[in-house]
Amino acid sequence: MISLTDAAAAKVQEIREAEDLGTQGLRVRVLGGGCSGFTYDLFFEDETTELDQTYESHGIPLYIDMMSFQYLEGTEIDYVEGLYGAGFKFINPQAKATCGCGSSFAA
């Protein structure tokens, strides 16, 4: 399962409303690249395929393709604000290492 914290769900809802995206879901995926091997990718989407895992967290639909799911199972997505900026943070039990900037991971 993949979930959003209260803060992440509120930010996703805020962005959906600001960009007039209706009830589009959040596509969560893993891409090759970054200094540790894999990077996270988030974007809004309203279509799924039969190969997607579909979840709902705080009323937000989450779509994960099968390749990404193997690296994301059990992940919680948070939204944090701090001195160095704000953004989504992935708490991923599958990650064996992360880079210093936190935007990529090794599995």
PDB file of N, CA and C in Angstrom:
ATOM      1  N   MET A   1       0.831  -1.184   0.000  1.00  0.00           N
ATOM      2  CA  MET A   1       0.000   0.000   0.000  1.00  0.00           C
ATOM      3  C   MET A   1       0.875   1.246   0.000  1.00  0.00           C
ATOM      4  N   ILE A   2       0.388   2.288  -0.602  1.00  0.00           N
ATOM      5  CA  ILE A   2       1.048   3.581  -0.652  1.00  0.00           C
ATOM      6  C   ILE A   2       0.063   4.610  -0.125  1.00  0.00           C
ATOM      7  N   SER A   3       0.547   5.531   0.722  1.00  0.00           N
ATOM      8  CA  SER A   3      -0.372   6.473   1.349  1.00  0.00           C
ATOM      9  C   SER A   3       0.212   7.878   1.397  1.00  0.00           C
ATOM     10  N   LEU A   4      -0.680   8.825   1.628  1.00  0.00           N
ATOM     11  CA  LEU A   4      -0.323  10.228   1.808  1.00  0.00           C
ATOM     12  C   LEU A   4      -0.537  10.601   3.270  1.00  0.00           C
ATOM     13  N   THR A   5       0.321  11.456   3.808  1.00  0.00           N
ATOM     14  CA  THR A   5       0.058  12.019   5.126  1.00  0.00           C
ATOM     15  C   THR A   5      -1.035  13.071   4.977  1.00  0.00           C
ATOM     16  N   ASP A   6      -1.544  13.551   6.103  1.00  0.00           N
ATOM     17  CA  ASP A   6      -2.539  14.624   6.063  1.00  0.00           C
ATOM     18  C   ASP A   6      -1.992  15.844   5.326  1.00  0.00           C
ATOM     19  N   ALA A   7      -0.728  16.194   5.617  1.00  0.00           N
ATOM     20  CA  ALA A   7      -0.120  17.371   4.992  1.00  0.00           C
ATOM     21  C   ALA A   7       0.017  17.199   3.482  1.00  0.00           C
ATOM     22  N   ALA A   8       0.429  16.013   3.033  1.00  0.00           N
ATOM     23  CA  ALA A   8       0.576  15.758   1.600  1.00  0.00           C
ATOM     24  C   ALA A   8      -0.782  15.785   0.899  1.00  0.00           C
ATOM     25  N   ALA A   9      -1.778  15.162   1.504  1.00  0.00           N
ATOM     26  CA  ALA A   9      -3.115  15.155   0.903  1.00  0.00           C
ATOM     27  C   ALA A   9      -3.666  16.570   0.789  1.00  0.00           C
ATOM     28  N   ALA A  10      -3.455  17.384   1.815  1.00  0.00           N
ATOM     29  CA  ALA A  10      -3.933  18.773   1.774  1.00  0.00           C
ATOM     30  C   ALA A  10      -3.232  19.553   0.658  1.00  0.00           C
ATOM     31  N   LYS A  11      -1.932  19.328   0.478  1.00  0.00           N
ATOM     32  CA  LYS A  11      -1.196  20.040  -0.575  1.00  0.00           C
ATOM     33  C   LYS A  11      -1.646  19.576  -1.959  1.00  0.00           C
ATOM     34  N   VAL A  12      -1.839  18.278  -2.136  1.00  0.00           N
ATOM     35  CA  VAL A  12      -2.320  17.758  -3.415  1.00  0.00           C
ATOM     36  C   VAL A  12      -3.679  18.360  -3.734  1.00  0.00           C
ATOM     37  N   GLN A  13      -4.577  18.390  -2.750  1.00  0.00           N
ATOM     38  CA  GLN A  13      -5.904  18.970  -2.962  1.00  0.00           C
ATOM     39  C   GLN A  13      -5.796  20.453  -3.308  1.00  0.00           C
ATOM     40  N   GLU A  14      -4.920  21.165  -2.624  1.00  0.00           N
ATOM     41  CA  GLU A  14      -4.710  22.596  -2.903  1.00  0.00           C
ATOM     42  C   GLU A  14      -4.239  22.816  -4.339  1.00  0.00           C
ATOM     43  N   ILE A  15      -3.306  21.993  -4.801  1.00  0.00           N
ATOM     44  CA  ILE A  15      -2.796  22.113  -6.173  1.00  0.00           C
ATOM     45  C   ILE A  15      -3.883  21.760  -7.174  1.00  0.00           C
ATOM     46  N   ARG A  16      -4.639  20.681  -6.907  1.00  0.00           N
ATOM     47  CA  ARG A  16      -5.732  20.296  -7.816  1.00  0.00           C
ATOM     48  C   ARG A  16      -6.728  21.425  -7.983  1.00  0.00           C
ATOM     49  N   GLU A  17      -7.096  22.056  -6.894  1.00  0.00           N
ATOM     50  CA  GLU A  17      -8.062  23.155  -6.957  1.00  0.00           C
ATOM     51  C   GLU A  17      -7.478  24.371  -7.664  1.00  0.00           C
ATOM     52  N   ALA A  18      -6.229  24.710  -7.366  1.00  0.00           N
ATOM     53  CA  ALA A  18      -5.593  25.883  -7.970  1.00  0.00           C
ATOM     54  C   ALA A  18      -5.444  25.727  -9.481  1.00  0.00           C
ATOM     55  N   GLU A  19      -5.220  24.489  -9.933  1.00  0.00           N
ATOM     56  CA  GLU A  19      -5.019  24.231 -11.363  1.00  0.00           C
ATOM     57  C   GLU A  19      -6.287  23.708 -12.034  1.00  0.00           C
ATOM     58  N   ASP A  20      -7.418  23.711 -11.314  1.00  0.00           N
ATOM     59  CA  ASP A  20      -8.706  23.279 -11.831  1.00  0.00           C
ATOM     60  C   ASP A  20      -8.625  21.881 -12.467  1.00  0.00           C
ATOM     61  N   LEU A  21      -8.107  20.926 -11.697  1.00  0.00           N
ATOM     62  CA  LEU A  21      -7.909  19.565 -12.195  1.00  0.00           C
ATOM     63  C   LEU A  21      -9.014  18.603 -11.791  1.00  0.00           C
ATOM     64  N   GLY A  22     -10.053  19.130 -11.184  1.00  0.00           N
ATOM     65  CA  GLY A  22     -11.193  18.283 -10.835  1.00  0.00           C
ATOM     66  C   GLY A  22     -10.811  17.188  -9.872  1.00  0.00           C
ATOM     67  N   THR A  23     -11.116  15.951 -10.258  1.00  0.00           N
ATOM     68  CA  THR A  23     -10.848  14.807  -9.384  1.00  0.00           C
ATOM     69  C   THR A  23      -9.696  13.949  -9.895  1.00  0.00           C
ATOM     70  N   GLN A  24      -8.818  14.525 -10.704  1.00  0.00           N
ATOM     71  CA  GLN A  24      -7.702  13.739 -11.211  1.00  0.00           C
ATOM     72  C   GLN A  24      -6.915  13.121 -10.065  1.00  0.00           C
ATOM     73  N   GLY A  25      -6.358  11.950 -10.345  1.00  0.00           N
ATOM     74  CA  GLY A  25      -5.548  11.253  -9.364  1.00  0.00           C
ATOM     75  C   GLY A  25      -4.085  11.632  -9.493  1.00  0.00           C
ATOM     76  N   LEU A  26      -3.307  11.116  -8.569  1.00  0.00           N
ATOM     77  CA  LEU A  26      -1.880  11.384  -8.538  1.00  0.00           C
ATOM     78  C   LEU A  26      -1.138  10.149  -9.019  1.00  0.00           C
ATOM     79  N   ARG A  27      -0.424  10.276 -10.116  1.00  0.00           N
ATOM     80  CA  ARG A  27       0.427   9.202 -10.635  1.00  0.00           C
ATOM     81  C   ARG A  27       1.736   9.248  -9.853  1.00  0.00           C
ATOM     82  N   VAL A  28       2.097   8.139  -9.243  1.00  0.00           N
ATOM     83  CA  VAL A  28       3.341   8.016  -8.491  1.00  0.00           C
ATOM     84  C   VAL A  28       4.180   6.977  -9.204  1.00  0.00           C
ATOM     85  N   ARG A  29       5.414   7.362  -9.574  1.00  0.00           N
ATOM     86  CA  ARG A  29       6.240   6.376 -10.267  1.00  0.00           C
ATOM     87  C   ARG A  29       7.712   6.566  -9.938  1.00  0.00           C
ATOM     88  N   VAL A  30       8.469   5.549 -10.295  1.00  0.00           N
ATOM     89  CA  VAL A  30       9.908   5.534 -10.105  1.00  0.00           C
ATOM     90  C   VAL A  30      10.541   5.512 -11.485  1.00  0.00           C
ATOM     91  N   LEU A  31      11.544   6.377 -11.665  1.00  0.00           N
ATOM     92  CA  LEU A  31      12.282   6.437 -12.917  1.00  0.00           C
ATOM     93  C   LEU A  31      13.752   6.147 -12.645  1.00  0.00           C
ATOM     94  N   GLY A  32      14.425   5.559 -13.614  1.00  0.00           N
ATOM     95  CA  GLY A  32      15.864   5.371 -13.494  1.00  0.00           C
ATOM     96  C   GLY A  32      16.559   6.716 -13.597  1.00  0.00           C
ATOM     97  N   GLY A  33      17.596   6.901 -12.789  1.00  0.00           N
ATOM     98  CA  GLY A  33      18.360   8.144 -12.845  1.00  0.00           C
ATOM     99  C   GLY A  33      18.633   8.689 -11.463  1.00  0.00           C
ATOM    100  N   GLY A  34      19.207   9.863 -11.418  1.00  0.00           N
ATOM    101  CA  GLY A  34      19.574  10.451 -10.139  1.00  0.00           C
ATOM    102  C   GLY A  34      20.890   9.895  -9.648  1.00  0.00           C
ATOM    103  N   CYS A  35      21.447  10.497  -8.648  1.00  0.00           N
ATOM    104  CA  CYS A  35      22.768  10.088  -8.182  1.00  0.00           C
ATOM    105  C   CYS A  35      22.763   8.758  -7.425  1.00  0.00           C
ATOM    106  N   SER A  36      21.593   8.286  -7.001  1.00  0.00           N
ATOM    107  CA  SER A  36      21.529   7.004  -6.290  1.00  0.00           C
ATOM    108  C   SER A  36      20.909   5.885  -7.115  1.00  0.00           C
ATOM    109  N   GLY A  37      20.445   6.168  -8.320  1.00  0.00           N
ATOM    110  CA  GLY A  37      19.920   5.123  -9.187  1.00  0.00           C
ATOM    111  C   GLY A  37      18.476   5.275  -9.614  1.00  0.00           C
ATOM    112  N   PHE A  38      17.604   5.739  -8.710  1.00  0.00           N
ATOM    113  CA  PHE A  38      16.188   5.908  -9.026  1.00  0.00           C
ATOM    114  C   PHE A  38      15.707   7.266  -8.520  1.00  0.00           C
ATOM    115  N   THR A  39      14.728   7.829  -9.222  1.00  0.00           N
ATOM    116  CA  THR A  39      14.108   9.077  -8.771  1.00  0.00           C
ATOM    117  C   THR A  39      12.599   8.883  -8.697  1.00  0.00           C
ATOM    118  N   TYR A  40      11.963   9.700  -7.880  1.00  0.00           N
ATOM    119  CA  TYR A  40      10.514   9.694  -7.743  1.00  0.00           C
ATOM    120  C   TYR A  40       9.909  10.687  -8.716  1.00  0.00           C
ATOM    121  N   ASP A  41       8.709  10.379  -9.196  1.00  0.00           N
ATOM    122  CA  ASP A  41       7.999  11.262 -10.108  1.00  0.00           C
ATOM    123  C   ASP A  41       6.529  11.298  -9.695  1.00  0.00           C
ATOM    124  N   LEU A  42       5.975  12.497  -9.617  1.00  0.00           N
ATOM    125  CA  LEU A  42       4.565  12.701  -9.279  1.00  0.00           C
ATOM    126  C   LEU A  42       3.941  13.612 -10.319  1.00  0.00           C
ATOM    127  N   PHE A  43       2.750  13.266 -10.786  1.00  0.00           N
ATOM    128  CA  PHE A  43       2.001  14.166 -11.655  1.00  0.00           C
ATOM    129  C   PHE A  43       0.536  13.764 -11.640  1.00  0.00           C
ATOM    130  N   PHE A  44      -0.309  14.695 -12.028  1.00  0.00           N
ATOM    131  CA  PHE A  44      -1.753  14.436 -12.052  1.00  0.00           C
ATOM    132  C   PHE A  44      -2.131  13.722 -13.334  1.00  0.00           C
ATOM    133  N   GLU A  45      -3.105  12.815 -13.195  1.00  0.00           N
ATOM    134  CA  GLU A  45      -3.552  12.037 -14.346  1.00  0.00           C
ATOM    135  C   GLU A  45      -4.971  11.562 -14.081  1.00  0.00           C
ATOM    136  N   ASP A  46      -5.740  11.393 -15.160  1.00  0.00           N
ATOM    137  CA  ASP A  46      -7.105  10.914 -14.976  1.00  0.00           C
ATOM    138  C   ASP A  46      -7.360   9.560 -15.627  1.00  0.00           C
ATOM    139  N   GLU A  47      -6.320   8.935 -16.167  1.00  0.00           N
ATOM    140  CA  GLU A  47      -6.492   7.632 -16.807  1.00  0.00           C
ATOM    141  C   GLU A  47      -5.558   6.607 -16.198  1.00  0.00           C
ATOM    142  N   THR A  48      -6.051   5.380 -16.098  1.00  0.00           N
ATOM    143  CA  THR A  48      -5.236   4.278 -15.622  1.00  0.00           C
ATOM    144  C   THR A  48      -5.239   3.179 -16.682  1.00  0.00           C
ATOM    145  N   THR A  49      -4.365   2.211 -16.495  1.00  0.00           N
ATOM    146  CA  THR A  49      -4.353   1.035 -17.354  1.00  0.00           C
ATOM    147  C   THR A  49      -4.641  -0.190 -16.491  1.00  0.00           C
ATOM    148  N   GLU A  50      -4.852  -1.322 -17.126  1.00  0.00           N
ATOM    149  CA  GLU A  50      -5.115  -2.549 -16.386  1.00  0.00           C
ATOM    150  C   GLU A  50      -3.876  -3.028 -15.634  1.00  0.00           C
ATOM    151  N   LEU A  51      -2.714  -2.436 -15.910  1.00  0.00           N
ATOM    152  CA  LEU A  51      -1.478  -2.816 -15.227  1.00  0.00           C
ATOM    153  C   LEU A  51      -1.179  -1.950 -14.014  1.00  0.00           C
ATOM    154  N   ASP A  52      -2.045  -0.997 -13.710  1.00  0.00           N
ATOM    155  CA  ASP A  52      -1.829  -0.098 -12.578  1.00  0.00           C
ATOM    156  C   ASP A  52      -2.394  -0.666 -11.284  1.00  0.00           C
ATOM    157  N   GLN A  53      -1.705  -0.397 -10.192  1.00  0.00           N
ATOM    158  CA  GLN A  53      -2.252  -0.580  -8.858  1.00  0.00           C
ATOM    159  C   GLN A  53      -2.939   0.738  -8.523  1.00  0.00           C
ATOM    160  N   THR A  54      -4.138   0.696  -8.003  1.00  0.00           N
ATOM    161  CA  THR A  54      -4.873   1.910  -7.669  1.00  0.00           C
ATOM    162  C   THR A  54      -5.204   1.905  -6.187  1.00  0.00           C
ATOM    163  N   TYR A  55      -4.896   2.995  -5.523  1.00  0.00           N
ATOM    164  CA  TYR A  55      -5.182   3.173  -4.101  1.00  0.00           C
ATOM    165  C   TYR A  55      -5.904   4.494  -3.924  1.00  0.00           C
ATOM    166  N   GLU A  56      -6.418   4.706  -2.728  1.00  0.00           N
ATOM    167  CA  GLU A  56      -6.985   5.999  -2.379  1.00  0.00           C
ATOM    168  C   GLU A  56      -6.491   6.345  -0.985  1.00  0.00           C
ATOM    169  N   SER A  57      -6.028   7.567  -0.824  1.00  0.00           N
ATOM    170  CA  SER A  57      -5.551   8.028   0.467  1.00  0.00           C
ATOM    171  C   SER A  57      -6.105   9.425   0.715  1.00  0.00           C
ATOM    172  N   HIS A  58      -6.875   9.580   1.777  1.00  0.00           N
ATOM    173  CA  HIS A  58      -7.496  10.870   2.115  1.00  0.00           C
ATOM    174  C   HIS A  58      -8.340  11.406   0.960  1.00  0.00           C
ATOM    175  N   GLY A  59      -8.975  10.506   0.213  1.00  0.00           N
ATOM    176  CA  GLY A  59      -9.815  10.914  -0.905  1.00  0.00           C
ATOM    177  C   GLY A  59      -9.070  11.211  -2.193  1.00  0.00           C
ATOM    178  N   ILE A  60      -7.757  11.032  -2.203  1.00  0.00           N
ATOM    179  CA  ILE A  60      -6.945  11.276  -3.403  1.00  0.00           C
ATOM    180  C   ILE A  60      -6.638   9.931  -4.054  1.00  0.00           C
ATOM    181  N   PRO A  61      -7.053   9.724  -5.324  1.00  0.00           N
ATOM    182  CA  PRO A  61      -6.683   8.489  -6.016  1.00  0.00           C
ATOM    183  C   PRO A  61      -5.177   8.482  -6.316  1.00  0.00           C
ATOM    184  N   LEU A  62      -4.530   7.344  -6.088  1.00  0.00           N
ATOM    185  CA  LEU A  62      -3.109   7.157  -6.378  1.00  0.00           C
ATOM    186  C   LEU A  62      -2.967   6.038  -7.400  1.00  0.00           C
ATOM    187  N   TYR A  63      -2.206   6.283  -8.459  1.00  0.00           N
ATOM    188  CA  TYR A  63      -1.999   5.305  -9.525  1.00  0.00           C
ATOM    189  C   TYR A  63      -0.520   4.957  -9.596  1.00  0.00           C
ATOM    190  N   ILE A  64      -0.213   3.652  -9.537  1.00  0.00           N
ATOM    191  CA  ILE A  64       1.169   3.202  -9.552  1.00  0.00           C
ATOM    192  C   ILE A  64       1.296   2.063 -10.553  1.00  0.00           C
ATOM    193  N   ASP A  65       2.217   2.207 -11.506  1.00  0.00           N
ATOM    194  CA  ASP A  65       2.449   1.123 -12.459  1.00  0.00           C
ATOM    195  C   ASP A  65       3.178  -0.019 -11.754  1.00  0.00           C
ATOM    196  N   MET A  66       3.109  -1.217 -12.326  1.00  0.00           N
ATOM    197  CA  MET A  66       3.648  -2.413 -11.687  1.00  0.00           C
ATOM    198  C   MET A  66       5.159  -2.340 -11.461  1.00  0.00           C
ATOM    199  N   MET A  67       5.912  -1.772 -12.398  1.00  0.00           N
ATOM    200  CA  MET A  67       7.357  -1.665 -12.223  1.00  0.00           C
ATOM    201  C   MET A  67       7.665  -0.768 -11.034  1.00  0.00           C
ATOM    202  N   SER A  68       6.991   0.361 -10.941  1.00  0.00           N
ATOM    203  CA  SER A  68       7.233   1.291  -9.837  1.00  0.00           C
ATOM    204  C   SER A  68       6.772   0.716  -8.511  1.00  0.00           C
ATOM    205  N   PHE A  69       5.680  -0.046  -8.528  1.00  0.00           N
ATOM    206  CA  PHE A  69       5.111  -0.570  -7.290  1.00  0.00           C
ATOM    207  C   PHE A  69       6.120  -1.401  -6.509  1.00  0.00           C
ATOM    208  N   GLN A  70       6.946  -2.174  -7.205  1.00  0.00           N
ATOM    209  CA  GLN A  70       7.910  -3.019  -6.501  1.00  0.00           C
ATOM    210  C   GLN A  70       8.916  -2.200  -5.688  1.00  0.00           C
ATOM    211  N   TYR A  71       9.136  -0.946  -6.083  1.00  0.00           N
ATOM    212  CA  TYR A  71      10.048  -0.065  -5.359  1.00  0.00           C
ATOM    213  C   TYR A  71       9.333   0.853  -4.367  1.00  0.00           C
ATOM    214  N   LEU A  72       8.009   0.933  -4.463  1.00  0.00           N
ATOM    215  CA  LEU A  72       7.248   1.880  -3.652  1.00  0.00           C
ATOM    216  C   LEU A  72       6.358   1.239  -2.590  1.00  0.00           C
ATOM    217  N   GLU A  73       6.224  -0.078  -2.607  1.00  0.00           N
ATOM    218  CA  GLU A  73       5.315  -0.732  -1.663  1.00  0.00           C
ATOM    219  C   GLU A  73       5.641  -0.318  -0.229  1.00  0.00           C
ATOM    220  N   GLY A  74       4.632   0.142   0.490  1.00  0.00           N
ATOM    221  CA  GLY A  74       4.802   0.567   1.871  1.00  0.00           C
ATOM    222  C   GLY A  74       5.219   2.018   2.042  1.00  0.00           C
ATOM    223  N   THR A  75       5.338   2.760   0.948  1.00  0.00           N
ATOM    224  CA  THR A  75       5.805   4.148   0.995  1.00  0.00           C
ATOM    225  C   THR A  75       4.719   5.090   1.498  1.00  0.00           C
ATOM    226  N   GLU A  76       5.137   6.039   2.297  1.00  0.00           N
ATOM    227  CA  GLU A  76       4.266   7.129   2.735  1.00  0.00           C
ATOM    228  C   GLU A  76       4.835   8.418   2.142  1.00  0.00           C
ATOM    229  N   ILE A  77       3.960   9.213   1.550  1.00  0.00           N
ATOM    230  CA  ILE A  77       4.367  10.482   0.955  1.00  0.00           C
ATOM    231  C   ILE A  77       3.922  11.606   1.870  1.00  0.00           C
ATOM    232  N   ASP A  78       4.872  12.442   2.254  1.00  0.00           N
ATOM    233  CA  ASP A  78       4.599  13.563   3.144  1.00  0.00           C
ATOM    234  C   ASP A  78       4.880  14.861   2.394  1.00  0.00           C
ATOM    235  N   TYR A  79       4.380  15.968   2.920  1.00  0.00           N
ATOM    236  CA  TYR A  79       4.709  17.291   2.402  1.00  0.00           C
ATOM    237  C   TYR A  79       5.340  18.061   3.542  1.00  0.00           C
ATOM    238  N   VAL A  80       6.552  18.560   3.310  1.00  0.00           N
ATOM    239  CA  VAL A  80       7.283  19.253   4.368  1.00  0.00           C
ATOM    240  C   VAL A  80       7.687  20.644   3.910  1.00  0.00           C
ATOM    241  N   GLU A  81       7.727  21.546   4.868  1.00  0.00           N
ATOM    242  CA  GLU A  81       8.207  22.903   4.637  1.00  0.00           C
ATOM    243  C   GLU A  81       9.308  23.168   5.645  1.00  0.00           C
ATOM    244  N   GLY A  82      10.411  23.762   5.166  1.00  0.00           N
ATOM    245  CA  GLY A  82      11.521  24.038   6.067  1.00  0.00           C
ATOM    246  C   GLY A  82      12.362  25.191   5.570  1.00  0.00           C
ATOM    247  N   LEU A  83      13.485  25.383   6.198  1.00  0.00           N
ATOM    248  CA  LEU A  83      14.393  26.480   5.845  1.00  0.00           C
ATOM    249  C   LEU A  83      14.909  26.383   4.418  1.00  0.00           C
ATOM    250  N   TYR A  84      15.029  25.171   3.917  1.00  0.00           N
ATOM    251  CA  TYR A  84      15.597  24.968   2.585  1.00  0.00           C
ATOM    252  C   TYR A  84      14.546  24.795   1.498  1.00  0.00           C
ATOM    253  N   GLY A  85      13.306  25.085   1.817  1.00  0.00           N
ATOM    254  CA  GLY A  85      12.247  24.988   0.831  1.00  0.00           C
ATOM    255  C   GLY A  85      11.157  24.031   1.263  1.00  0.00           C
ATOM    256  N   ALA A  86      10.287  23.737   0.345  1.00  0.00           N
ATOM    257  CA  ALA A  86       9.157  22.861   0.619  1.00  0.00           C
ATOM    258  C   ALA A  86       9.036  21.842  -0.503  1.00  0.00           C
ATOM    259  N   GLY A  87       8.452  20.696  -0.192  1.00  0.00           N
ATOM    260  CA  GLY A  87       8.240  19.687  -1.216  1.00  0.00           C
ATOM    261  C   GLY A  87       7.744  18.387  -0.638  1.00  0.00           C
ATOM    262  N   PHE A  88       7.495  17.455  -1.530  1.00  0.00           N
ATOM    263  CA  PHE A  88       7.028  16.137  -1.129  1.00  0.00           C
ATOM    264  C   PHE A  88       8.226  15.289  -0.721  1.00  0.00           C
ATOM    265  N   LYS A  89       8.049  14.559   0.367  1.00  0.00           N
ATOM    266  CA  LYS A  89       9.095  13.695   0.901  1.00  0.00           C
ATOM    267  C   LYS A  89       8.574  12.264   0.906  1.00  0.00           C
ATOM    268  N   PHE A  90       9.373  11.347   0.409  1.00  0.00           N
ATOM    269  CA  PHE A  90       8.997   9.938   0.345  1.00  0.00           C
ATOM    270  C   PHE A  90       9.647   9.187   1.498  1.00  0.00           C
ATOM    271  N   ILE A  91       8.823   8.568   2.334  1.00  0.00           N
ATOM    272  CA  ILE A  91       9.315   7.702   3.398  1.00  0.00           C
ATOM    273  C   ILE A  91       9.140   6.284   2.874  1.00  0.00           C
ATOM    274  N   ASN A  92      10.223   5.752   2.331  1.00  0.00           N
ATOM    275  CA  ASN A  92      10.180   4.519   1.553  1.00  0.00           C
ATOM    276  C   ASN A  92      10.965   3.409   2.242  1.00  0.00           C
ATOM    277  N   PRO A  93      10.282   2.388   2.775  1.00  0.00           N
ATOM    278  CA  PRO A  93      10.994   1.287   3.435  1.00  0.00           C
ATOM    279  C   PRO A  93      11.795   0.426   2.456  1.00  0.00           C
ATOM    280  N   GLN A  94      11.545   0.558   1.157  1.00  0.00           N
ATOM    281  CA  GLN A  94      12.285  -0.209   0.153  1.00  0.00           C
ATOM    282  C   GLN A  94      13.645   0.418  -0.175  1.00  0.00           C
ATOM    283  N   ALA A  95      13.839   1.681   0.154  1.00  0.00           N
ATOM    284  CA  ALA A  95      15.081   2.386  -0.170  1.00  0.00           C
ATOM    285  C   ALA A  95      16.204   1.923   0.749  1.00  0.00           C
ATOM    286  N   LYS A  96      17.278   1.466   0.162  1.00  0.00           N
ATOM    287  CA  LYS A  96      18.437   1.027   0.936  1.00  0.00           C
ATOM    288  C   LYS A  96      19.386   2.191   1.197  1.00  0.00           C
ATOM    289  N   ALA A  97      19.347   3.198   0.336  1.00  0.00           N
ATOM    290  CA  ALA A  97      20.180   4.398   0.496  1.00  0.00           C
ATOM    291  C   ALA A  97      19.511   5.538  -0.251  1.00  0.00           C
ATOM    292  N   THR A  98      19.761   6.757   0.204  1.00  0.00           N
ATOM    293  CA  THR A  98      19.260   7.942  -0.492  1.00  0.00           C
ATOM    294  C   THR A  98      20.415   8.902  -0.708  1.00  0.00           C
ATOM    295  N   CYS A  99      20.249   9.792  -1.661  1.00  0.00           N
ATOM    296  CA  CYS A  99      21.289  10.783  -1.913  1.00  0.00           C
ATOM    297  C   CYS A  99      21.167  11.919  -0.912  1.00  0.00           C
ATOM    298  N   GLY A 100      22.153  12.772  -0.872  1.00  0.00           N
ATOM    299  CA  GLY A 100      22.165  13.885   0.061  1.00  0.00           C
ATOM    300  C   GLY A 100      21.017  14.845  -0.132  1.00  0.00           C
ATOM    301  N   CYS A 101      20.584  15.041  -1.373  1.00  0.00           N
ATOM    302  CA  CYS A 101      19.494  15.985  -1.616  1.00  0.00           C
ATOM    303  C   CYS A 101      18.122  15.361  -1.389  1.00  0.00           C
ATOM    304  N   GLY A 102      18.067  14.026  -1.263  1.00  0.00           N
ATOM    305  CA  GLY A 102      16.811  13.352  -0.976  1.00  0.00           C
ATOM    306  C   GLY A 102      15.908  13.113  -2.170  1.00  0.00           C
ATOM    307  N   SER A 103      16.394  13.417  -3.375  1.00  0.00           N
ATOM    308  CA  SER A 103      15.521  13.253  -4.547  1.00  0.00           C
ATOM    309  C   SER A 103      15.746  11.935  -5.280  1.00  0.00           C
ATOM    310  N   SER A 104      16.728  11.151  -4.872  1.00  0.00           N
ATOM    311  CA  SER A 104      16.913   9.853  -5.494  1.00  0.00           C
ATOM    312  C   SER A 104      17.253   8.809  -4.429  1.00  0.00           C
ATOM    313  N   PHE A 105      17.123   7.538  -4.805  1.00  0.00           N
ATOM    314  CA  PHE A 105      17.354   6.454  -3.862  1.00  0.00           C
ATOM    315  C   PHE A 105      17.897   5.229  -4.557  1.00  0.00           C
ATOM    316  N   ALA A 106      18.454   4.326  -3.781  1.00  0.00           N
ATOM    317  CA  ALA A 106      18.928   3.038  -4.271  1.00  0.00           C
ATOM    318  C   ALA A 106      18.069   1.955  -3.634  1.00  0.00           C
ATOM    319  N   ALA A 107      17.758   0.928  -4.415  1.00  0.00           N
ATOM    320  CA  ALA A 107      16.929  -0.164  -3.906  1.00  0.00           C
ATOM    321  C   ALA A 107      17.747  -1.430  -3.780  1.00  0.00           C
TER     322      ALA A 107
END
